[in-house]
Amino acid sequence: MELLVAVARLGSLGRAARELGISQPAASGRMRGLERQLGVALVRRSTGGSALTESGALVTEWARRVLEAAEDFDAGARALRGQRDSRLRVAASLTVAEYLLPGWLTALHGRHPGTAVSLAAGNSVVVARQVTAGEADLGFVEGLDVPAALDAAVIGHDRLLVVVAPGHPWAARRRPLPAAELAATPLLLREEGSGTRQVLDAALAPHGGPAVPLLELASTTAVKSAAVGGAGPAVLSELAVADELSAHRLAVVPVAGLDLSRALRAVWPAGHRPAGPARDLLTLTRRPAPRR
């Protein structure tokens, strides 16, 4: 159709071919193909140039409308992509939001300096709900299960540690703590729905599940502060307690026969692979995390 409109404007198939960057034989072949498809002659060729037939003039007017509509479509699609790429909504579990996302978002800013990023932090259940509802373009969770409405990719692994203040009796143990004793002990825990709580509950299920919590707190920082203050044993991500362990404000308590490892996952609406800045952020998560 572009070729036909160019022939109408320039009066020559050869000049139309040069304008569109194709050879004259290729242009002739395309024009014959269009004529066969429509079943009418569109161009009358002569030594003096090319002229449209009556049918060709009518088809050219239709072609102009189609091409204008296609240009409008392209312009609208570019505008939508620009709108998409100008903002990124991220929802992340508290551990990922506090200890991993800052580095990823700094690297993302280098690639997309004009993209405004909003971050909503919550437990894994809340994050999954936000992504499912379309309130976030990309989410990060640390729980065991991913809802059927979401697709997911493992972006890393983490493990939970049982930690106590240095003055706690467990800090002086020479042998690993039995899993049954951990299950029977009231602990400082995150709230139900958090990835940390889900992993701990599943690990202790064969031992009767965890006891009624000593304290149930809604943030990793609150649980960690209570543990450092000597309130009792806590179960936290190794990412969250790295500084406290280095400074000897907390001590790790090994537990026998208990697997507290977990996968960290990115999640997005099922069937809609992340695009634009969301795709680049997902790529950045696969790089090794910077050492703290």
Protein backbone atom coordinates (compact mmCIF):
# COMPACT_ATOMS: atom_id res chain seq x y z
CA MET A 1 0.00 0.00 0.00
CA GLU A 2 2.89 2.36 0.73
CA LEU A 3 4.29 1.56 -2.70
CA LEU A 4 0.95 2.24 -4.39
CA VAL A 5 0.56 5.60 -2.65
CA ALA A 6 4.14 6.53 -3.59
CA VAL A 7 3.47 5.66 -7.26
CA ALA A 8 0.41 7.91 -7.20
CA ARG A 9 2.43 10.78 -5.75
CA LEU A 10 5.58 10.39 -7.86
CA GLY A 11 4.12 9.11 -11.13
CA SER A 12 6.82 6.46 -11.48
CA LEU A 13 7.24 2.96 -10.13
CA GLY A 14 11.02 3.35 -10.28
CA ARG A 15 11.04 6.59 -8.24
CA ALA A 16 8.60 5.03 -5.75
CA ALA A 17 10.92 2.04 -5.39
CA ARG A 18 13.93 4.28 -4.70
CA GLU A 19 11.99 6.27 -2.09
CA LEU A 20 11.07 3.07 -0.25
CA GLY A 21 14.59 1.66 -0.53
CA ILE A 22 13.77 -1.37 -2.69
CA SER A 23 14.83 -2.39 -6.19
CA GLN A 24 12.59 -1.71 -9.18
CA PRO A 25 12.17 -5.46 -9.96
CA ALA A 26 11.11 -6.01 -6.32
CA ALA A 27 8.66 -3.11 -6.58
CA SER A 28 7.20 -4.50 -9.81
CA GLY A 29 6.82 -7.91 -8.17
CA ARG A 30 5.03 -6.45 -5.15
CA MET A 31 2.68 -4.42 -7.31
CA ARG A 32 1.80 -7.47 -9.41
CA GLY A 33 1.21 -9.43 -6.23
CA LEU A 34 -1.17 -6.76 -4.91
CA GLU A 35 -3.03 -6.71 -8.23
CA ARG A 36 -3.40 -10.51 -8.16
CA GLN A 37 -4.64 -10.39 -4.59
CA LEU A 38 -7.28 -7.75 -5.39
CA GLY A 39 -8.12 -9.09 -8.84
CA VAL A 40 -7.88 -5.71 -10.57
CA ALA A 41 -5.19 -3.74 -12.43
CA LEU A 42 -3.89 -0.86 -10.37
CA VAL A 43 -1.05 0.66 -12.36
CA ARG A 44 -0.70 1.28 -16.09
CA ARG A 45 2.97 1.18 -17.05
CA SER A 46 4.47 2.97 -20.03
CA THR A 47 7.83 4.30 -21.20
CA GLY A 48 6.86 7.69 -19.81
CA GLY A 49 6.19 6.41 -16.28
CA SER A 50 3.38 4.80 -14.32
CA ALA A 51 -0.20 5.98 -13.97
CA LEU A 52 -3.02 4.68 -11.84
CA THR A 53 -6.01 3.00 -13.39
CA GLU A 54 -9.46 4.08 -12.23
CA SER A 55 -9.49 1.10 -9.85
CA GLY A 56 -5.96 2.01 -8.78
CA ALA A 57 -7.01 5.55 -7.90
CA LEU A 58 -9.88 4.23 -5.75
CA VAL A 59 -7.68 1.63 -4.02
CA THR A 60 -5.05 4.32 -3.38
CA GLU A 61 -7.55 6.42 -1.44
CA TRP A 62 -8.44 3.39 0.68
CA ALA A 63 -4.75 2.65 1.17
CA ARG A 64 -4.08 6.19 2.39
CA ARG A 65 -6.74 5.76 5.10
CA VAL A 66 -5.29 2.42 6.16
CA LEU A 67 -1.75 3.84 6.33
CA GLU A 68 -2.93 6.85 8.34
CA ALA A 69 -4.71 4.51 10.75
CA ALA A 70 -1.55 2.39 11.02
CA GLU A 71 0.51 5.50 11.81
CA ASP A 72 -2.00 6.48 14.50
CA PHE A 73 -1.79 2.95 15.90
CA ASP A 74 2.02 3.09 16.01
CA ALA A 75 1.98 6.52 17.66
CA GLY A 76 -0.49 5.32 20.28
CA ALA A 77 1.52 2.17 20.96
CA ARG A 78 4.71 4.23 21.37
CA ALA A 79 2.90 6.53 23.79
CA LEU A 80 1.69 3.56 25.84
CA ARG A 81 5.20 2.10 25.95
CA GLY A 82 6.53 5.47 27.03
CA GLN A 83 3.91 5.66 29.79
CA ARG A 84 4.77 2.11 30.89
CA ASP A 85 8.48 2.81 30.91
CA SER A 86 8.10 6.05 32.87
CA ARG A 87 6.98 4.25 36.04
CA LEU A 88 7.53 0.96 37.79
CA ARG A 89 5.48 -0.32 40.71
CA VAL A 90 7.28 -2.87 42.86
CA ALA A 91 5.95 -4.82 45.83
CA ALA A 92 8.41 -6.77 47.97
CA SER A 93 8.58 -8.79 51.14
CA LEU A 94 10.26 -6.92 53.97
CA THR A 95 13.51 -8.87 53.84
CA VAL A 96 13.96 -8.37 50.10
CA ALA A 97 12.83 -4.73 50.32
CA GLU A 98 15.32 -3.85 53.04
CA TYR A 99 18.38 -5.90 52.16
CA LEU A 100 18.34 -6.61 48.41
CA LEU A 101 16.18 -4.12 46.53
CA PRO A 102 18.24 -0.97 47.26
CA GLY A 103 21.18 -2.32 45.26
CA TRP A 104 18.96 -3.55 42.43
CA LEU A 105 17.10 -0.24 42.18
CA THR A 106 20.35 1.72 42.14
CA ALA A 107 21.53 -0.36 39.18
CA LEU A 108 18.12 0.03 37.49
CA HIS A 109 18.36 3.81 37.81
CA GLY A 110 21.54 3.67 35.75
CA ARG A 111 19.61 2.01 32.92
CA HIS A 112 16.35 3.96 33.24
CA PRO A 113 17.12 7.30 34.93
CA GLY A 114 13.74 8.68 33.90
CA THR A 115 11.69 5.87 35.43
CA ALA A 116 9.89 6.68 38.67
CA VAL A 117 9.85 3.64 40.95
CA SER A 118 7.35 3.15 43.75
CA LEU A 119 7.90 0.42 46.35
CA ALA A 120 5.31 -1.16 48.61
CA ALA A 121 6.78 -3.39 51.32
CA GLY A 122 4.74 -6.04 53.12
CA ASN A 123 4.69 -9.73 53.91
CA SER A 124 4.66 -12.32 51.12
CA VAL A 125 0.88 -12.84 51.22
CA VAL A 126 0.24 -9.11 50.84
CA VAL A 127 2.77 -8.84 47.99
CA ALA A 128 1.13 -11.70 46.08
CA ARG A 129 -2.27 -10.08 46.56
CA GLN A 130 -1.04 -6.72 45.23
CA VAL A 131 0.51 -8.25 42.11
CA THR A 132 -2.60 -10.36 41.46
CA ALA A 133 -4.81 -7.25 41.78
CA GLY A 134 -2.66 -5.29 39.29
CA GLU A 135 -1.43 -2.90 41.97
CA ALA A 136 2.22 -3.80 41.28
CA ASP A 137 4.05 -4.64 38.07
CA LEU A 138 6.55 -6.96 39.76
CA GLY A 139 6.68 -8.54 43.20
CA PHE A 140 9.24 -10.34 45.35
CA VAL A 141 8.21 -13.01 47.86
CA GLU A 142 9.98 -15.42 50.17
CA GLY A 143 7.21 -17.84 51.09
CA LEU A 144 6.73 -21.47 50.10
CA ASP A 145 3.83 -21.18 47.66
CA VAL A 146 2.95 -18.96 44.70
CA PRO A 147 -0.75 -18.39 43.85
CA ALA A 148 -1.98 -19.92 40.57
CA ALA A 149 -2.73 -16.42 39.23
CA LEU A 150 0.99 -15.59 39.23
CA ASP A 151 4.05 -16.76 37.35
CA ALA A 152 7.32 -16.89 39.26
CA ALA A 153 11.07 -17.26 38.88
CA VAL A 154 13.55 -18.13 41.60
CA ILE A 155 16.03 -15.25 41.89
CA GLY A 156 18.07 -16.49 44.85
CA HIS A 157 18.15 -18.48 48.06
CA ASP A 158 18.19 -17.55 51.70
CA ARG A 159 18.10 -19.40 55.00
CA LEU A 160 16.62 -18.66 58.37
CA LEU A 161 18.75 -18.64 61.49
CA VAL A 162 17.82 -19.13 65.12
CA VAL A 163 19.49 -16.25 66.94
CA VAL A 164 19.73 -15.13 70.57
CA ALA A 165 21.42 -12.38 72.52
CA PRO A 166 24.92 -13.36 73.75
CA GLY A 167 23.65 -13.66 77.33
CA HIS A 168 20.94 -16.20 76.50
CA PRO A 169 21.60 -19.80 77.72
CA TRP A 170 21.37 -21.13 74.16
CA ALA A 171 24.35 -19.01 73.12
CA ALA A 172 26.61 -21.19 75.29
CA ARG A 173 25.37 -24.53 73.94
CA ARG A 174 28.03 -26.88 72.62
CA ARG A 175 25.63 -29.14 70.80
CA PRO A 176 22.92 -28.26 68.24
CA LEU A 177 19.52 -27.55 69.67
CA PRO A 178 16.99 -30.37 69.08
CA ALA A 179 14.23 -29.33 66.69
CA ALA A 180 11.61 -30.49 69.18
CA GLU A 181 13.00 -28.13 71.82
CA LEU A 182 12.86 -25.24 69.37
CA ALA A 183 9.25 -26.11 68.56
CA ALA A 184 8.32 -26.19 72.25
CA THR A 185 9.95 -22.82 73.02
CA PRO A 186 8.01 -19.54 72.73
CA LEU A 187 9.87 -17.47 70.11
CA LEU A 188 10.04 -13.95 68.78
CA LEU A 189 8.32 -14.34 65.42
CA ARG A 190 7.06 -12.46 62.39
CA GLU A 191 3.32 -12.40 61.83
CA GLU A 192 1.40 -15.13 60.00
CA GLY A 193 1.51 -14.54 56.25
CA SER A 194 5.16 -13.59 56.23
CA GLY A 195 7.53 -15.79 54.24
CA THR A 196 9.69 -16.27 57.33
CA ARG A 197 6.74 -17.57 59.32
CA GLN A 198 5.57 -19.87 56.52
CA VAL A 199 8.99 -21.52 56.23
CA LEU A 200 9.36 -21.94 59.99
CA ASP A 201 5.85 -23.34 60.41
CA ALA A 202 6.45 -25.90 57.65
CA ALA A 203 9.84 -26.93 59.06
CA LEU A 204 8.46 -27.42 62.58
CA ALA A 205 5.23 -29.13 61.49
CA PRO A 206 6.69 -32.65 62.05
CA HIS A 207 7.50 -31.57 65.63
CA GLY A 208 4.03 -30.26 66.44
CA GLY A 209 4.52 -26.80 65.00
CA PRO A 210 5.90 -23.78 66.82
CA ALA A 211 4.68 -22.92 70.30
CA VAL A 212 2.54 -19.87 70.93
CA PRO A 213 4.88 -16.95 70.11
CA LEU A 214 6.54 -15.01 72.88
CA LEU A 215 6.00 -11.94 70.73
CA GLU A 216 4.52 -11.71 67.25
CA LEU A 217 5.78 -8.63 65.40
CA ALA A 218 5.03 -7.20 61.96
CA SER A 219 8.56 -6.28 60.90
CA THR A 220 11.96 -7.90 60.74
CA THR A 221 13.53 -4.89 62.43
CA ALA A 222 11.18 -5.17 65.40
CA VAL A 223 11.89 -8.88 65.86
CA LYS A 224 15.63 -8.27 65.59
CA SER A 225 15.58 -5.40 68.09
CA ALA A 226 13.68 -7.53 70.60
CA ALA A 227 16.20 -10.36 70.19
CA VAL A 228 19.19 -8.02 70.60
CA GLY A 229 17.53 -6.67 73.74
CA GLY A 230 17.42 -10.16 75.21
CA ALA A 231 13.65 -10.73 75.01
CA GLY A 232 14.12 -14.27 73.71
CA PRO A 233 15.15 -16.43 70.73
CA ALA A 234 14.18 -15.26 67.24
CA VAL A 235 14.11 -16.82 63.78
CA LEU A 236 15.27 -14.40 61.09
CA SER A 237 16.84 -14.30 57.64
CA GLU A 238 20.62 -14.47 57.55
CA LEU A 239 20.46 -11.33 55.39
CA ALA A 240 18.76 -9.46 58.21
CA VAL A 241 21.16 -10.41 61.01
CA ALA A 242 24.52 -10.29 59.19
CA ASP A 243 25.59 -7.03 60.85
CA GLU A 244 24.43 -8.09 64.32
CA LEU A 245 26.32 -11.37 64.06
CA SER A 246 29.50 -9.59 62.93
CA ALA A 247 29.22 -7.18 65.86
CA HIS A 248 28.43 -10.05 68.29
CA ARG A 249 25.13 -8.48 69.26
CA LEU A 250 23.46 -11.77 68.32
CA ALA A 251 24.65 -15.37 68.27
CA VAL A 252 23.54 -18.21 65.99
CA VAL A 253 22.05 -21.32 67.58
CA PRO A 254 22.52 -24.42 65.36
CA VAL A 255 19.44 -26.67 65.23
CA ALA A 256 19.73 -30.39 64.54
CA GLY A 257 17.72 -31.94 61.71
CA LEU A 258 15.94 -28.78 60.60
CA ASP A 259 16.03 -27.32 57.08
CA LEU A 260 15.33 -23.60 57.20
CA SER A 261 16.45 -22.75 53.66
CA ARG A 262 14.07 -21.00 51.31
CA ALA A 263 13.84 -19.67 47.77
CA LEU A 264 13.40 -15.99 46.97
CA ARG A 265 11.07 -15.47 44.01
CA ALA A 266 10.00 -12.73 41.64
CA VAL A 267 6.31 -12.90 40.75
CA TRP A 268 4.15 -11.29 38.06
CA PRO A 269 0.66 -11.84 36.58
CA ALA A 270 0.40 -15.23 34.86
CA GLY A 271 0.92 -15.06 31.12
CA HIS A 272 2.30 -11.51 31.15
CA ARG A 273 6.10 -11.65 31.09
CA PRO A 274 7.63 -8.48 32.58
CA ALA A 275 8.56 -5.82 30.00
CA GLY A 276 10.50 -2.56 30.00
CA PRO A 277 11.97 -1.54 33.38
CA ALA A 278 10.27 -4.51 35.10
CA ARG A 279 12.10 -6.90 32.76
CA ASP A 280 15.42 -5.12 33.40
CA LEU A 281 14.89 -5.24 37.16
CA LEU A 282 14.20 -8.97 36.92
CA THR A 283 17.46 -9.38 34.99
CA LEU A 284 19.39 -7.44 37.63
CA THR A 285 18.18 -9.76 40.39
CA ARG A 286 20.06 -12.65 38.77
CA ARG A 287 23.40 -10.90 39.36
CA PRO A 288 25.36 -11.66 42.54
CA ALA A 289 24.29 -9.43 45.41
CA PRO A 290 26.97 -6.95 46.60
CA ARG A 291 28.74 -7.95 49.78
CA ARG A 292 27.59 -6.12 52.87
